[in-house]
Amino acid sequence: MSGGDGASDERGRLESDPFDYRLTGRGGVVVFRGGRPVMTVGGRDAARLLDALQRADDSQAQHLLARASGNYRRGNERV
């Protein structure tokens, strides 16, 4: 079942194992899950992601980070 923004987390994995992120000194975004870095986003993509994260609530931020990391696409989770 999709949420209002088209995102879904039916299994509750984003709640039980949430993503986190940190900014790099060069303006990039490092996405973490389980304390390990899973993806580094740089350039324009990082700026867009940061802008979206600043406007998002916690649930939306988790979906944005999941999409950015590539772990959740088209309903297929890669765990």
N, C-alpha and C. Protein backbone atom coordinates (compact mmCIF):
# COMPACT_ATOMS: atom_id res chain seq x y z
N MET A 1 0.85 -1.18 0.00
CA MET A 1 0.00 0.00 0.00
C MET A 1 0.89 1.23 0.00
N SER A 2 0.61 2.16 -0.85
CA SER A 2 1.42 3.36 -0.99
C SER A 2 0.92 4.45 -0.08
N GLY A 3 1.85 5.28 0.38
CA GLY A 3 1.49 6.45 1.16
C GLY A 3 0.99 7.54 0.23
N GLY A 4 0.70 8.69 0.79
CA GLY A 4 0.17 9.80 0.01
C GLY A 4 1.12 10.30 -1.06
N ASP A 5 2.42 10.12 -0.83
CA ASP A 5 3.40 10.59 -1.81
C ASP A 5 3.88 9.47 -2.73
N GLY A 6 3.19 8.33 -2.68
CA GLY A 6 3.56 7.23 -3.56
C GLY A 6 4.61 6.31 -2.97
N ALA A 7 5.13 6.65 -1.79
CA ALA A 7 6.16 5.83 -1.16
C ALA A 7 5.51 4.77 -0.28
N SER A 8 6.19 3.66 -0.10
CA SER A 8 5.64 2.56 0.68
C SER A 8 6.73 1.94 1.54
N ASP A 9 6.34 1.54 2.73
CA ASP A 9 7.23 0.80 3.62
C ASP A 9 6.38 -0.22 4.38
N GLU A 10 5.74 -1.10 3.63
CA GLU A 10 4.80 -2.04 4.22
C GLU A 10 5.44 -2.94 5.26
N ARG A 11 6.68 -3.26 5.10
CA ARG A 11 7.35 -4.17 6.03
C ARG A 11 7.94 -3.45 7.24
N GLY A 12 7.87 -2.13 7.26
CA GLY A 12 8.38 -1.36 8.39
C GLY A 12 9.89 -1.33 8.51
N ARG A 13 10.58 -1.62 7.44
CA ARG A 13 12.05 -1.68 7.51
C ARG A 13 12.69 -0.31 7.71
N LEU A 14 12.06 0.73 7.20
CA LEU A 14 12.64 2.06 7.38
C LEU A 14 12.51 2.52 8.82
N GLU A 15 11.55 1.96 9.55
CA GLU A 15 11.39 2.28 10.95
C GLU A 15 12.35 1.46 11.81
N SER A 16 12.46 0.17 11.51
CA SER A 16 13.29 -0.70 12.33
C SER A 16 14.79 -0.57 12.01
N ASP A 17 15.12 -0.17 10.81
CA ASP A 17 16.52 -0.02 10.39
C ASP A 17 16.63 1.26 9.55
N PRO A 18 16.56 2.43 10.23
CA PRO A 18 16.50 3.70 9.48
C PRO A 18 17.83 4.10 8.84
N PHE A 19 17.71 4.94 7.84
CA PHE A 19 18.87 5.55 7.20
C PHE A 19 19.27 6.78 7.99
N ASP A 20 20.51 7.19 7.83
CA ASP A 20 21.03 8.41 8.41
C ASP A 20 21.91 9.05 7.34
N TYR A 21 22.26 10.31 7.53
CA TYR A 21 23.15 10.95 6.55
C TYR A 21 24.02 11.98 7.24
N ARG A 22 25.14 12.27 6.59
CA ARG A 22 26.06 13.31 7.04
C ARG A 22 26.52 14.10 5.84
N LEU A 23 26.82 15.35 6.08
CA LEU A 23 27.33 16.21 5.02
C LEU A 23 28.85 16.12 5.00
N THR A 24 29.41 16.16 3.82
CA THR A 24 30.87 16.19 3.69
C THR A 24 31.32 17.63 3.58
N GLY A 25 32.59 17.86 3.75
CA GLY A 25 33.14 19.20 3.64
C GLY A 25 33.04 19.78 2.24
N ARG A 26 32.86 18.93 1.26
CA ARG A 26 32.79 19.38 -0.13
C ARG A 26 31.36 19.50 -0.64
N GLY A 27 30.39 19.43 0.27
CA GLY A 27 29.00 19.59 -0.13
C GLY A 27 28.30 18.31 -0.52
N GLY A 28 28.93 17.19 -0.30
CA GLY A 28 28.30 15.91 -0.61
C GLY A 28 27.47 15.40 0.55
N VAL A 29 26.74 14.34 0.30
CA VAL A 29 25.91 13.70 1.32
C VAL A 29 26.30 12.23 1.37
N VAL A 30 26.69 11.76 2.55
CA VAL A 30 26.99 10.34 2.73
C VAL A 30 25.78 9.72 3.42
N VAL A 31 25.20 8.71 2.80
CA VAL A 31 24.02 8.03 3.34
C VAL A 31 24.50 6.79 4.09
N PHE A 32 24.02 6.63 5.33
CA PHE A 32 24.39 5.52 6.19
C PHE A 32 23.18 4.66 6.50
N ARG A 33 23.42 3.38 6.71
CA ARG A 33 22.39 2.48 7.23
C ARG A 33 23.09 1.46 8.11
N GLY A 34 22.58 1.30 9.31
CA GLY A 34 23.21 0.39 10.25
C GLY A 34 24.60 0.85 10.64
N GLY A 35 24.84 2.16 10.59
CA GLY A 35 26.14 2.71 10.96
C GLY A 35 27.20 2.61 9.88
N ARG A 36 26.84 2.05 8.73
CA ARG A 36 27.81 1.89 7.64
C ARG A 36 27.42 2.77 6.45
N PRO A 37 28.42 3.38 5.81
CA PRO A 37 28.10 4.18 4.62
C PRO A 37 27.65 3.27 3.48
N VAL A 38 26.53 3.63 2.85
CA VAL A 38 26.02 2.83 1.74
C VAL A 38 26.08 3.57 0.42
N MET A 39 26.22 4.91 0.47
CA MET A 39 26.21 5.68 -0.77
C MET A 39 26.73 7.08 -0.49
N THR A 40 27.46 7.63 -1.44
CA THR A 40 27.86 9.03 -1.37
C THR A 40 27.25 9.74 -2.57
N VAL A 41 26.54 10.81 -2.29
CA VAL A 41 25.88 11.60 -3.34
C VAL A 41 26.63 12.92 -3.43
N GLY A 42 26.99 13.33 -4.63
CA GLY A 42 27.73 14.57 -4.80
C GLY A 42 27.11 15.47 -5.85
N GLY A 43 27.67 16.65 -5.96
CA GLY A 43 27.27 17.60 -7.00
C GLY A 43 25.84 18.08 -6.89
N ARG A 44 25.20 18.24 -8.05
CA ARG A 44 23.82 18.73 -8.10
C ARG A 44 22.86 17.79 -7.40
N ASP A 45 23.11 16.50 -7.52
CA ASP A 45 22.23 15.53 -6.86
C ASP A 45 22.25 15.72 -5.35
N ALA A 46 23.42 15.99 -4.79
CA ALA A 46 23.54 16.22 -3.35
C ALA A 46 22.79 17.48 -2.95
N ALA A 47 22.91 18.53 -3.74
CA ALA A 47 22.21 19.78 -3.43
C ALA A 47 20.70 19.58 -3.47
N ARG A 48 20.21 18.84 -4.47
CA ARG A 48 18.77 18.55 -4.55
C ARG A 48 18.30 17.70 -3.38
N LEU A 49 19.10 16.69 -3.04
CA LEU A 49 18.74 15.81 -1.93
C LEU A 49 18.70 16.60 -0.62
N LEU A 50 19.69 17.44 -0.37
CA LEU A 50 19.71 18.25 0.84
C LEU A 50 18.50 19.16 0.93
N ASP A 51 18.16 19.80 -0.18
CA ASP A 51 17.00 20.68 -0.21
C ASP A 51 15.73 19.91 0.13
N ALA A 52 15.57 18.74 -0.46
CA ALA A 52 14.39 17.92 -0.19
C ALA A 52 14.38 17.43 1.25
N LEU A 53 15.53 17.05 1.79
CA LEU A 53 15.60 16.57 3.17
C LEU A 53 15.24 17.66 4.17
N GLN A 54 15.61 18.89 3.88
CA GLN A 54 15.31 20.00 4.78
C GLN A 54 13.81 20.28 4.84
N ARG A 55 13.09 19.98 3.76
CA ARG A 55 11.65 20.22 3.72
C ARG A 55 10.84 19.00 4.16
N ALA A 56 11.48 17.86 4.32
CA ALA A 56 10.77 16.60 4.57
C ALA A 56 10.58 16.33 6.07
N ASP A 57 9.49 15.61 6.38
CA ASP A 57 9.35 15.10 7.75
C ASP A 57 10.19 13.82 7.85
N ASP A 58 10.18 13.19 9.02
CA ASP A 58 11.05 12.01 9.23
C ASP A 58 10.75 10.88 8.25
N SER A 59 9.48 10.58 8.04
CA SER A 59 9.09 9.49 7.15
C SER A 59 9.51 9.79 5.71
N GLN A 60 9.25 11.00 5.26
CA GLN A 60 9.63 11.39 3.90
C GLN A 60 11.14 11.37 3.74
N ALA A 61 11.86 11.80 4.78
CA ALA A 61 13.33 11.80 4.72
C ALA A 61 13.86 10.38 4.57
N GLN A 62 13.25 9.42 5.27
CA GLN A 62 13.67 8.02 5.14
C GLN A 62 13.47 7.52 3.71
N HIS A 63 12.35 7.87 3.10
CA HIS A 63 12.08 7.45 1.72
C HIS A 63 13.06 8.11 0.75
N LEU A 64 13.37 9.39 0.98
CA LEU A 64 14.33 10.08 0.12
C LEU A 64 15.71 9.43 0.21
N LEU A 65 16.14 9.11 1.43
CA LEU A 65 17.45 8.48 1.61
C LEU A 65 17.47 7.07 1.03
N ALA A 66 16.36 6.35 1.15
CA ALA A 66 16.28 5.00 0.58
C ALA A 66 16.40 5.06 -0.94
N ARG A 67 15.69 6.01 -1.54
CA ARG A 67 15.76 6.15 -3.00
C ARG A 67 17.16 6.56 -3.44
N ALA A 68 17.76 7.50 -2.69
CA ALA A 68 19.10 7.96 -3.05
C ALA A 68 20.12 6.84 -2.95
N SER A 69 19.94 5.95 -1.97
CA SER A 69 20.90 4.87 -1.78
C SER A 69 20.75 3.76 -2.80
N GLY A 70 19.59 3.69 -3.43
CA GLY A 70 19.34 2.62 -4.39
C GLY A 70 18.87 1.34 -3.74
N ASN A 71 18.65 1.34 -2.42
CA ASN A 71 18.22 0.13 -1.73
C ASN A 71 16.74 -0.17 -1.94
N TYR A 72 15.97 0.79 -2.32
CA TYR A 72 14.54 0.59 -2.54
C TYR A 72 14.18 1.20 -3.88
N ARG A 73 13.89 0.36 -4.85
CA ARG A 73 13.48 0.85 -6.17
C ARG A 73 12.42 -0.06 -6.73
N ARG A 74 11.39 0.53 -7.23
CA ARG A 74 10.31 -0.22 -7.87
C ARG A 74 9.79 -1.36 -7.01
N GLY A 75 9.81 -1.15 -5.68
CA GLY A 75 9.27 -2.15 -4.78
C GLY A 75 10.20 -3.31 -4.49
N ASN A 76 11.38 -3.33 -5.08
CA ASN A 76 12.32 -4.43 -4.84
C ASN A 76 13.39 -3.96 -3.86
N GLU A 77 13.37 -4.50 -2.66
CA GLU A 77 14.38 -4.13 -1.69
C GLU A 77 15.61 -4.99 -1.88
N ARG A 78 16.75 -4.35 -1.86
CA ARG A 78 18.02 -5.08 -1.87
C ARG A 78 18.59 -4.98 -0.48
N VAL A 79 18.61 -6.07 0.24
CA VAL A 79 19.03 -6.03 1.64
C VAL A 79 20.37 -6.70 1.81
